[in-house]
Structures are given as structure tokens and as C-alpha cells.
N, C-alpha and C. Protein backbone atom coordinates (compact mmCIF):
# COMPACT_ATOMS: atom_id res chain seq x y z
N UNK A 1 -4.73 -10.25 19.13
CA UNK A 1 -4.05 -9.91 18.73
C UNK A 1 -3.39 -8.61 18.49
N UNK A 2 -2.33 -8.08 18.51
CA UNK A 2 -1.44 -6.79 18.40
C UNK A 2 -1.29 -6.75 16.85
N UNK A 3 -1.75 -5.98 16.19
CA UNK A 3 -1.53 -5.60 14.50
C UNK A 3 -0.54 -4.30 14.18
N UNK A 4 -0.26 -3.90 15.55
CA UNK A 4 0.54 -3.03 15.50
C UNK A 4 1.49 -2.28 14.96
N UNK A 5 2.43 -3.36 15.43
CA UNK A 5 3.96 -4.22 14.25
C UNK A 5 3.34 -3.73 12.97
N UNK A 6 2.42 -3.85 12.13
CA UNK A 6 2.28 -4.10 11.03
C UNK A 6 2.39 -2.40 10.46
N UNK A 7 2.06 -1.57 11.09
CA UNK A 7 2.09 -0.42 10.45
C UNK A 7 3.54 0.36 9.79
N UNK A 8 4.92 -0.70 10.52
CA UNK A 8 5.69 0.09 9.78
C UNK A 8 6.31 -0.69 8.18
N UNK A 9 7.07 -0.46 7.84
CA UNK A 9 6.43 -1.40 5.78
C UNK A 9 7.64 -1.85 6.50
N UNK A 10 8.14 -1.80 6.50
CA UNK A 10 9.30 -3.54 6.76
C UNK A 10 9.09 -4.16 8.00
N UNK A 11 8.47 -4.02 8.74
CA UNK A 11 7.57 -5.11 9.55
C UNK A 11 6.67 -5.98 8.65
N UNK A 12 6.06 -4.99 8.04
CA UNK A 12 4.49 -5.48 7.32
C UNK A 12 5.13 -6.28 6.42
N UNK A 13 6.09 -5.93 5.69
CA UNK A 13 6.61 -7.00 4.07
C UNK A 13 7.04 -8.15 4.68
N UNK A 14 8.12 -8.46 6.27
CA UNK A 14 8.50 -9.46 6.76
C UNK A 14 7.55 -10.39 7.19
N UNK A 15 6.77 -9.83 7.16
CA UNK A 15 4.81 -10.73 7.99
C UNK A 15 4.49 -11.42 6.62
N UNK A 16 4.53 -10.23 5.22
CA UNK A 16 4.10 -11.26 4.20
C UNK A 16 5.03 -11.87 4.00
N UNK A 17 6.09 -12.20 3.82
CA UNK A 17 7.26 -12.99 3.71
C UNK A 17 7.11 -14.42 4.30
N UNK A 18 6.65 -14.30 5.94
CA UNK A 18 6.41 -14.89 6.45
C UNK A 18 5.39 -15.95 6.66
N UNK A 19 3.79 -15.39 6.22
CA UNK A 19 3.10 -15.92 5.61
C UNK A 19 3.63 -16.63 4.48
N UNK A 20 4.02 -15.95 3.05
CA UNK A 20 3.75 -16.98 2.15
C UNK A 20 4.56 -17.86 2.16
N UNK A 21 5.64 -18.16 3.41
CA UNK A 21 6.47 -19.34 3.80
C UNK A 21 5.61 -20.22 4.21
N UNK A 22 4.94 -19.98 5.37
CA UNK A 22 3.91 -20.95 6.21
C UNK A 22 3.85 -22.34 5.60
N UNK A 23 3.31 -23.38 5.57
CA UNK A 23 3.66 -23.69 7.21
C UNK A 23 5.41 -23.54 7.46
N UNK A 24 6.22 -23.66 6.50
CA UNK A 24 7.66 -23.69 6.66
C UNK A 24 7.99 -22.66 7.38
N UNK A 25 8.85 -22.50 8.47
CA UNK A 25 10.17 -21.82 8.86
C UNK A 25 10.79 -21.57 7.91
N UNK A 26 11.27 -20.22 8.75
CA UNK A 26 12.39 -19.60 7.59
C UNK A 26 13.54 -19.19 9.03
N UNK A 27 14.56 -18.53 8.27
CA UNK A 27 15.51 -17.43 9.20
C UNK A 27 16.21 -16.36 9.10
N UNK A 28 16.45 -15.87 10.06
CA UNK A 28 16.70 -14.43 9.74
C UNK A 28 17.52 -14.54 8.88
N UNK A 29 18.49 -14.11 8.15
CA UNK A 29 19.98 -14.53 7.07
C UNK A 29 18.99 -14.82 5.74
N UNK A 30 17.95 -15.78 5.86
CA UNK A 30 17.40 -16.42 4.35
C UNK A 30 16.16 -14.92 4.09
N UNK A 31 15.32 -14.71 5.39
CA UNK A 31 14.50 -13.53 5.05
C UNK A 31 15.28 -12.52 4.63
N UNK A 32 16.58 -11.96 5.46
CA UNK A 32 17.70 -11.01 4.59
C UNK A 32 17.36 -10.97 3.39
N UNK A 33 18.35 -12.26 2.61
CA UNK A 33 18.59 -12.51 1.61
C UNK A 33 17.60 -12.22 0.56
N UNK A 34 16.20 -12.64 0.85
CA UNK A 34 15.08 -12.95 -0.32
C UNK A 34 14.39 -11.11 -0.01
N UNK A 35 14.25 -11.16 1.15
CA UNK A 35 13.83 -8.99 1.00
C UNK A 35 14.51 -8.32 0.42
N UNK A 36 15.95 -8.55 0.68
CA UNK A 36 17.32 -7.77 -0.06
C UNK A 36 17.15 -6.44 1.12
N UNK A 37 17.18 -7.41 2.14
CA UNK A 37 17.60 -5.91 3.31
C UNK A 37 19.13 -5.66 3.48
N UNK A 38 19.97 -4.78 3.92
CA UNK A 38 20.49 -4.81 4.22
C UNK A 38 21.51 -5.32 5.27
N UNK A 39 20.77 -4.89 6.78
CA UNK A 39 20.97 -5.84 7.69
C UNK A 39 20.55 -6.94 8.56
N UNK A 40 20.98 -7.89 8.69
CA UNK A 40 20.55 -9.03 9.60
C UNK A 40 20.17 -8.57 10.15
N UNK A 41 21.11 -7.43 11.36
CA UNK A 41 20.02 -7.52 12.67
C UNK A 41 18.93 -6.34 12.30
N UNK A 42 18.95 -5.44 11.41
CA UNK A 42 17.44 -5.01 11.20
C UNK A 42 16.64 -5.95 10.89
N UNK A 43 16.58 -7.56 10.14
CA UNK A 43 15.18 -8.30 10.30
C UNK A 43 15.47 -8.83 11.23
N UNK A 44 16.46 -9.04 12.18
CA UNK A 44 15.91 -9.67 13.62
C UNK A 44 15.07 -9.18 14.51
N UNK A 45 15.21 -7.52 14.40
CA UNK A 45 14.46 -6.67 14.98
C UNK A 45 13.20 -6.71 14.83
N UNK A 46 13.18 -6.48 13.24
CA UNK A 46 11.37 -7.12 12.84
C UNK A 46 10.73 -7.92 13.07
N UNK A 47 11.64 -8.93 12.83
CA UNK A 47 10.76 -9.94 14.32
C UNK A 47 10.89 -10.91 15.27
N UNK A 48 11.55 -9.52 15.94
CA UNK A 48 11.03 -9.50 17.21
C UNK A 48 9.78 -8.80 17.68
N UNK A 49 10.00 -8.06 16.67
CA UNK A 49 8.58 -6.92 17.31
C UNK A 49 7.00 -7.91 16.72
N UNK A 50 7.09 -8.69 15.52
CA UNK A 50 5.90 -10.11 15.25
C UNK A 50 6.19 -10.43 16.40
N UNK A 51 7.19 -11.24 17.27
CA UNK A 51 6.50 -12.90 18.09
C UNK A 51 6.05 -11.52 19.53
N UNK A 52 6.99 -10.14 19.58
CA UNK A 52 6.40 -9.77 20.98
C UNK A 52 4.70 -9.53 20.15
N UNK A 53 4.34 -9.41 18.89
CA UNK A 53 2.95 -8.94 18.70
C UNK A 53 2.17 -10.15 18.62
N UNK A 54 2.88 -11.67 18.82
CA UNK A 54 2.27 -13.04 19.26
C UNK A 54 2.32 -13.04 17.26
N UNK A 55 2.48 -12.43 16.44
CA UNK A 55 1.90 -13.27 14.91
C UNK A 55 3.20 -14.53 14.43
N UNK A 56 4.26 -13.57 15.26
CA UNK A 56 5.11 -15.58 14.40
C UNK A 56 6.00 -16.13 15.74
N UNK A 57 6.12 -17.20 15.63
CA UNK A 57 7.16 -17.84 16.97
C UNK A 57 8.32 -18.42 16.96
N UNK A 58 9.49 -17.90 17.84
CA UNK A 58 10.48 -18.10 17.07
C UNK A 58 11.25 -19.38 17.69
N UNK A 59 11.35 -20.08 16.68
CA UNK A 59 11.90 -21.99 17.18
C UNK A 59 13.35 -22.13 18.24
N UNK A 60 13.39 -23.20 18.54
CA UNK A 60 14.76 -23.33 19.27
C UNK A 60 15.79 -23.32 18.26
N UNK A 61 15.55 -23.88 17.50
CA UNK A 61 16.76 -23.40 16.31
C UNK A 61 16.86 -22.23 16.06
N UNK A 62 16.63 -21.17 16.23
CA UNK A 62 16.11 -19.82 16.00
C UNK A 62 15.69 -19.51 15.13
N UNK A 63 14.95 -20.29 14.30
CA UNK A 63 14.10 -20.00 12.64
C UNK A 63 12.61 -19.55 13.39
N UNK A 64 12.22 -18.86 12.73
CA UNK A 64 10.86 -18.08 12.93
C UNK A 64 9.67 -19.33 12.14
N UNK A 65 8.73 -19.10 12.97
CA UNK A 65 7.46 -19.54 11.95
C UNK A 65 6.42 -18.78 12.00
N UNK A 66 5.73 -18.34 11.34
CA UNK A 66 3.99 -17.26 11.45
C UNK A 66 3.26 -18.33 12.40
N UNK A 67 2.66 -17.99 12.81
CA UNK A 67 1.48 -18.81 14.00
C UNK A 67 0.05 -18.70 13.12
N UNK A 68 -0.56 -19.92 13.90
CA UNK A 68 -1.36 -20.69 12.25
C UNK A 68 -2.69 -19.21 12.55
N UNK A 69 -2.83 -18.77 13.60
CA UNK A 69 -3.25 -17.63 14.10
C UNK A 69 -2.89 -16.24 13.05
N UNK A 70 -2.23 -15.91 13.06
CA UNK A 70 -2.13 -15.22 12.34
C UNK A 70 -2.54 -15.38 10.76
N UNK A 71 -2.93 -16.01 10.45
CA UNK A 71 -3.22 -17.04 8.64
C UNK A 71 -5.10 -16.48 9.00
N UNK A 72 -5.23 -15.79 10.14
CA UNK A 72 -6.78 -15.16 10.37
C UNK A 72 -6.63 -13.86 9.58
N UNK A 73 -5.99 -13.08 9.14
CA UNK A 73 -5.59 -11.85 9.46
C UNK A 73 -5.40 -11.97 7.71
N UNK A 74 -6.62 -11.24 7.22
CA UNK A 74 -7.59 -11.02 5.95
C UNK A 74 -7.79 -9.20 5.45
N UNK A 75 -7.36 -8.48 6.59
CA UNK A 75 -7.60 -7.25 5.86
C UNK A 75 -6.05 -6.10 7.35
N UNK A 76 -5.31 -5.70 5.93
CA UNK A 76 -4.50 -4.98 7.12
C UNK A 76 -4.51 -3.23 6.24
N UNK A 77 -3.89 -2.65 7.09
CA UNK A 77 -3.45 -0.93 6.83
C UNK A 77 -2.11 -1.00 6.88
N UNK A 78 -2.29 -1.16 5.52
CA UNK A 78 -0.76 -0.53 4.35
C UNK A 78 -0.70 0.85 4.57
N UNK A 79 0.49 0.92 5.07
CA UNK A 79 1.25 2.59 5.23
C UNK A 79 1.96 2.96 3.58
N UNK A 80 0.58 3.52 2.87
CA UNK A 80 1.11 4.30 1.88
C UNK A 80 1.13 5.63 2.19
N UNK A 81 1.85 6.21 1.34
CA UNK A 81 1.96 8.01 1.34
C UNK A 81 1.30 8.45 0.14
N UNK A 82 0.50 9.36 1.24
CA UNK A 82 -0.55 10.12 0.33
C UNK A 82 0.03 11.58 -0.10
N UNK A 83 -0.57 11.48 -1.37
CA UNK A 83 -0.17 13.43 -2.33
C UNK A 83 -0.92 14.38 -1.36
N UNK A 84 -0.80 15.22 -1.30
CA UNK A 84 -1.22 16.58 -0.85
C UNK A 84 -0.54 17.87 -1.41
N UNK A 85 -1.92 18.53 -1.61
CA UNK A 85 -1.85 19.74 -2.03
C UNK A 85 -1.65 21.13 -1.37
N UNK A 86 -0.90 21.77 -0.96
CA UNK A 86 -0.59 23.19 -0.43
C UNK A 86 -1.17 24.21 -0.75
N UNK A 87 -2.55 24.20 -0.06
CA UNK A 87 -3.31 25.43 -0.24
C UNK A 87 -4.00 26.44 0.62
N UNK A 88 -3.19 27.59 0.37
CA UNK A 88 -3.60 28.69 1.72
C UNK A 88 -3.21 28.30 3.11
N UNK A 89 -1.52 27.45 3.03
CA UNK A 89 -0.96 26.97 4.30
C UNK A 89 -1.81 25.95 4.91
N UNK A 90 -3.02 25.10 4.06
CA UNK A 90 -3.57 24.08 4.74
C UNK A 90 -3.07 22.97 4.04
N UNK A 91 -2.61 21.48 4.22
CA UNK A 91 -2.56 20.60 4.15
C UNK A 91 -3.58 19.59 3.19
N UNK A 92 -4.28 19.82 1.83
CA UNK A 92 -5.38 19.31 1.47
C UNK A 92 -4.70 17.55 0.54
N UNK A 93 -5.44 16.41 1.28
CA UNK A 93 -5.42 15.29 0.35
C UNK A 93 -5.32 15.95 -1.02
N UNK A 94 -4.74 15.14 -2.09
CA UNK A 94 -5.35 15.12 -3.76
C UNK A 94 -6.23 14.80 -3.87
N UNK A 95 -6.95 13.70 -3.21
CA UNK A 95 -8.11 13.45 -2.98
C UNK A 95 -9.45 14.44 -3.48
N UNK A 96 -8.78 15.57 -2.26
CA UNK A 96 -10.08 16.38 -1.75
C UNK A 96 -10.04 16.90 -2.90
N UNK A 97 -8.85 17.48 -3.03
CA UNK A 97 -8.51 18.73 -4.44
C UNK A 97 -9.54 18.19 -5.72
N UNK A 98 -9.22 17.76 -5.98
CA UNK A 98 -9.55 16.46 -7.49
C UNK A 98 -11.01 15.84 -6.94
N UNK A 99 -11.77 15.94 -6.29
CA UNK A 99 -13.21 15.94 -5.77
C UNK A 99 -13.19 16.99 -5.96
N UNK A 100 -13.17 18.40 -5.54
CA UNK A 100 -13.81 19.30 -6.00
C UNK A 100 -13.96 20.17 -6.98
N UNK A 101 -12.45 19.85 -7.93
CA UNK A 101 -12.71 20.25 -9.18
C UNK A 101 -13.72 19.53 -9.71
N UNK A 102 -13.58 18.14 -9.74
CA UNK A 102 -14.66 17.27 -10.39
C UNK A 102 -16.22 17.37 -10.05
N UNK A 103 -16.37 18.38 -9.01
CA UNK A 103 -18.08 18.68 -8.61
C UNK A 103 -18.19 20.14 -9.17
N UNK A 104 -17.54 20.93 -9.15
CA UNK A 104 -17.05 22.27 -10.01
C UNK A 104 -17.72 22.34 -11.41
N UNK A 105 -16.89 21.03 -11.88
CA UNK A 105 -16.88 21.02 -13.28
C UNK A 105 -18.24 20.45 -13.78
N UNK A 106 -19.10 19.45 -13.04
CA UNK A 106 -20.32 18.71 -13.16
C UNK A 106 -21.16 19.67 -13.29
N UNK A 107 -21.18 20.54 -12.38
CA UNK A 107 -21.76 21.83 -12.11
C UNK A 107 -22.61 22.59 -13.12
N UNK A 108 -20.72 23.20 -13.57
CA UNK A 108 -20.70 24.15 -14.67
C UNK A 108 -21.33 23.41 -16.33
N UNK A 109 -20.58 22.06 -16.29
CA UNK A 109 -21.34 20.72 -17.30
C UNK A 109 -23.23 21.43 -17.25
N UNK A 110 -23.47 20.87 -16.71
CA UNK A 110 -24.85 20.92 -15.60
C UNK A 110 -25.69 22.16 -16.16
N UNK A 111 -25.32 23.52 -15.67
CA UNK A 111 -25.71 24.60 -16.18
C UNK A 111 -25.98 25.31 -17.27
N UNK A 112 -24.06 24.41 -18.32
CA UNK A 112 -24.05 25.22 -19.74
C UNK A 112 -24.61 24.39 -20.23
N UNK A 113 -25.14 23.00 -20.57
CA UNK A 113 -26.49 22.28 -21.18
C UNK A 113 -27.61 22.99 -21.22
N UNK A 114 -27.84 23.57 -20.37
CA UNK A 114 -29.15 24.35 -20.69
C UNK A 114 -29.39 25.63 -21.52
N UNK A 115 -27.75 25.89 -22.02
CA UNK A 115 -27.88 27.03 -22.92
C UNK A 115 -27.40 26.44 -24.58
N UNK A 116 -26.13 25.86 -24.52
CA UNK A 116 -25.59 24.79 -25.53
C UNK A 116 -25.89 23.45 -25.25
N UNK A 117 -26.24 22.68 -25.98
CA UNK A 117 -26.40 20.99 -25.07
C UNK A 117 -24.82 21.20 -25.64
N UNK A 118 -24.84 20.88 -27.05
CA UNK A 118 -23.26 20.43 -27.89
C UNK A 118 -22.34 20.66 -26.96
N UNK A 119 -21.50 22.12 -26.27
CA UNK A 119 -20.45 22.26 -25.34
C UNK A 119 -20.55 21.89 -24.30
N UNK A 120 -21.96 21.06 -23.53
CA UNK A 120 -21.89 20.84 -22.59
C UNK A 120 -21.32 19.08 -22.56
N UNK A 121 -21.89 18.53 -23.82
CA UNK A 121 -21.54 17.05 -24.08
C UNK A 121 -20.07 16.86 -24.35
N UNK A 122 -19.66 17.49 -25.26
CA UNK A 122 -17.89 18.05 -25.37
C UNK A 122 -17.46 18.10 -23.61
N UNK A 123 -17.74 19.18 -23.30
CA UNK A 123 -17.21 19.46 -21.48
C UNK A 123 -17.82 17.90 -20.84
N UNK A 124 -18.48 17.36 -21.30
CA UNK A 124 -18.62 15.91 -20.34
C UNK A 124 -17.82 15.26 -20.57
N UNK A 125 -17.28 14.88 -22.16
CA UNK A 125 -16.03 14.27 -21.97
C UNK A 125 -15.11 14.30 -22.19
N UNK A 126 -14.41 15.89 -22.44
CA UNK A 126 -13.51 15.96 -21.76
C UNK A 126 -13.43 16.06 -19.90
N UNK A 127 -13.97 15.78 -19.26
CA UNK A 127 -14.40 15.55 -18.34
C UNK A 127 -13.94 14.35 -17.70
N UNK A 128 -14.51 13.52 -18.79
CA UNK A 128 -14.29 12.26 -18.58
C UNK A 128 -12.95 11.95 -18.79
N UNK A 129 -12.61 12.37 -19.62
CA UNK A 129 -10.76 12.21 -20.27
C UNK A 129 -9.81 12.95 -18.43
N UNK A 130 -9.99 13.37 -18.11
CA UNK A 130 -9.54 13.70 -17.28
C UNK A 130 -9.72 13.53 -15.98
N UNK A 131 -10.49 12.90 -15.19
CA UNK A 131 -11.07 11.84 -14.36
C UNK A 131 -10.06 10.51 -14.56
N UNK A 132 -10.12 9.94 -15.66
CA UNK A 132 -9.73 8.37 -16.06
C UNK A 132 -8.23 9.09 -15.46
N UNK A 133 -7.50 10.03 -16.02
CA UNK A 133 -5.77 10.70 -15.99
C UNK A 133 -5.85 10.23 -14.84
N UNK A 134 -6.26 11.42 -14.13
CA UNK A 134 -5.74 11.50 -12.67
C UNK A 134 -6.15 10.14 -12.11
N UNK A 135 -7.17 9.63 -12.43
CA UNK A 135 -7.41 8.18 -10.96
C UNK A 135 -6.08 7.60 -11.62
N UNK A 136 -5.99 7.00 -13.06
CA UNK A 136 -5.25 6.62 -13.38
C UNK A 136 -3.81 6.54 -12.55
N UNK A 137 -3.23 8.85 -12.46
CA UNK A 137 -2.30 8.39 -12.08
C UNK A 137 -2.67 7.94 -10.95
N UNK A 138 -3.18 8.10 -10.14
CA UNK A 138 -2.93 7.66 -8.43
C UNK A 138 -3.03 6.54 -8.72
N UNK A 139 -3.64 5.52 -9.65
CA UNK A 139 -3.53 3.77 -9.36
C UNK A 139 -2.35 3.36 -9.43
N UNK A 140 -0.93 4.81 -10.57
CA UNK A 140 0.43 3.62 -10.86
C UNK A 140 0.93 4.35 -9.58
N UNK A 141 0.32 5.30 -8.87
CA UNK A 141 1.94 5.87 -7.34
C UNK A 141 1.52 4.43 -6.89
N UNK A 142 0.07 4.50 -6.47
CA UNK A 142 -0.27 3.42 -4.84
C UNK A 142 0.61 2.06 -5.51
N UNK A 143 0.06 1.30 -6.39
CA UNK A 143 0.57 0.17 -6.82
C UNK A 143 2.41 0.48 -7.01
N UNK A 144 2.90 1.74 -7.31
CA UNK A 144 4.40 1.45 -7.05
C UNK A 144 4.73 2.00 -5.57
N UNK A 145 4.29 1.79 -4.76
CA UNK A 145 4.26 2.31 -3.39
C UNK A 145 4.29 0.31 -2.75
N UNK A 146 3.57 -0.19 -3.46
CA UNK A 146 2.57 -1.55 -2.85
C UNK A 146 3.55 -2.45 -3.55
N UNK A 147 4.51 -2.25 -4.63
CA UNK A 147 5.22 -2.89 -5.20
C UNK A 147 6.45 -3.31 -3.37
N UNK A 148 6.44 -2.47 -3.27
CA UNK A 148 7.72 -2.49 -2.05
C UNK A 148 7.78 -3.67 -0.74
N UNK A 149 5.63 -4.62 -1.08
CA UNK A 149 5.88 -5.89 -0.40
C UNK A 149 6.50 -7.26 -0.96
N UNK A 150 6.62 -6.89 -2.14
CA UNK A 150 6.50 -7.87 -3.13
C UNK A 150 8.38 -8.09 -3.04
N UNK A 151 8.41 -9.40 -3.14
CA UNK A 151 10.18 -9.46 -3.39
C UNK A 151 10.27 -11.04 -4.71
N UNK A 152 10.81 -10.63 -5.35
CA UNK A 152 11.71 -11.33 -6.35
C UNK A 152 12.20 -12.46 -5.77
N UNK A 153 11.99 -13.91 -7.16
CA UNK A 153 12.50 -15.03 -6.84
C UNK A 153 13.45 -14.91 -7.88
N UNK A 154 15.24 -15.14 -7.42
CA UNK A 154 16.19 -15.33 -8.06
C UNK A 154 15.89 -17.10 -8.63
N UNK A 155 15.81 -17.07 -10.47
CA UNK A 155 16.42 -18.03 -10.45
C UNK A 155 17.23 -19.06 -10.72
N UNK A 156 17.49 -20.23 -10.52
CA UNK A 156 18.57 -20.59 -10.14
C UNK A 156 19.27 -21.35 -11.84
N UNK A 157 20.24 -21.43 -12.04
CA UNK A 157 20.58 -22.43 -13.51
C UNK A 157 21.06 -23.12 -13.31
């Protein structure tokens, strides 16, 4: 089974939609409407890529259905933008930058602990707070990017 088409965010979004519809089939217009795509041809193109990869099948009624073998997929590589720092013309992932900061600060805290335990304890608390802020920021950024793959069901009155 070829999972390479799932590296495109829109194809992955349509695949996840097809998975949520299983065992029912769905049409191109329905997918366009539910996933809020701008063009039917765009949805059809991505569905064609999924069909070529053996993840969905096109029915004689021109509707699509997820193949049962696609249900076995439990792990995906989700395309998420990586934040990076530019340092001396080198692109360094933000996580590496933060890790180097944390290691340096932790070593400084250990050294200071030999001379003044109170300052070391305060420094440790400060580092813990900063670390929580950094990881919370990373979590929010990733969560925001992953929200692209969800769609809202419109309530009918």
C-alpha cells in the first residue's frame, strides 16, 4: 500500500474524511462541501491520488469508498511546519535551540548549587517555568496546524 500521497495535507484531509465515512460511500461534491474545499476538481484530483495509491476505490456510481485495507493504517506522518531559528546562516530547529538553552541553564544551576543553594533552587524553579512556557507554545502551534484536518459538521435546524 502506497502512503506517499498522504504527505500532502489536502490528500490526507480527504483520506481522514473517507475513513470517518466508512463503511458508507461519499461523493466528490459532498466531500467538497464538508471539507470546505474551493473546487470540485481539486477534491477529485486528490481522490484520484488516493485511488492510485490503493486507499480508496471509485464505485460505478462515481462515488468513493475507503478500502477495508486502509482501516489498518494506524500511524501516519502528518505534514506539520517546523519552526526554526536562523543562526549564523544555519537553519536550526527551534526544539534544538530550546534544548541547548535548557542544558546550559541546567549545568549553570548545578554549578551555582555548590556556592548558593537558594539561588540554585530559585534558578531551577525559573527554568521549570520557562520550560513549561516553551513546550506549551510548541503544543499550541502544533495543535493549531493539526486543526486543518478536522471539519465542522453544520447543524441543520
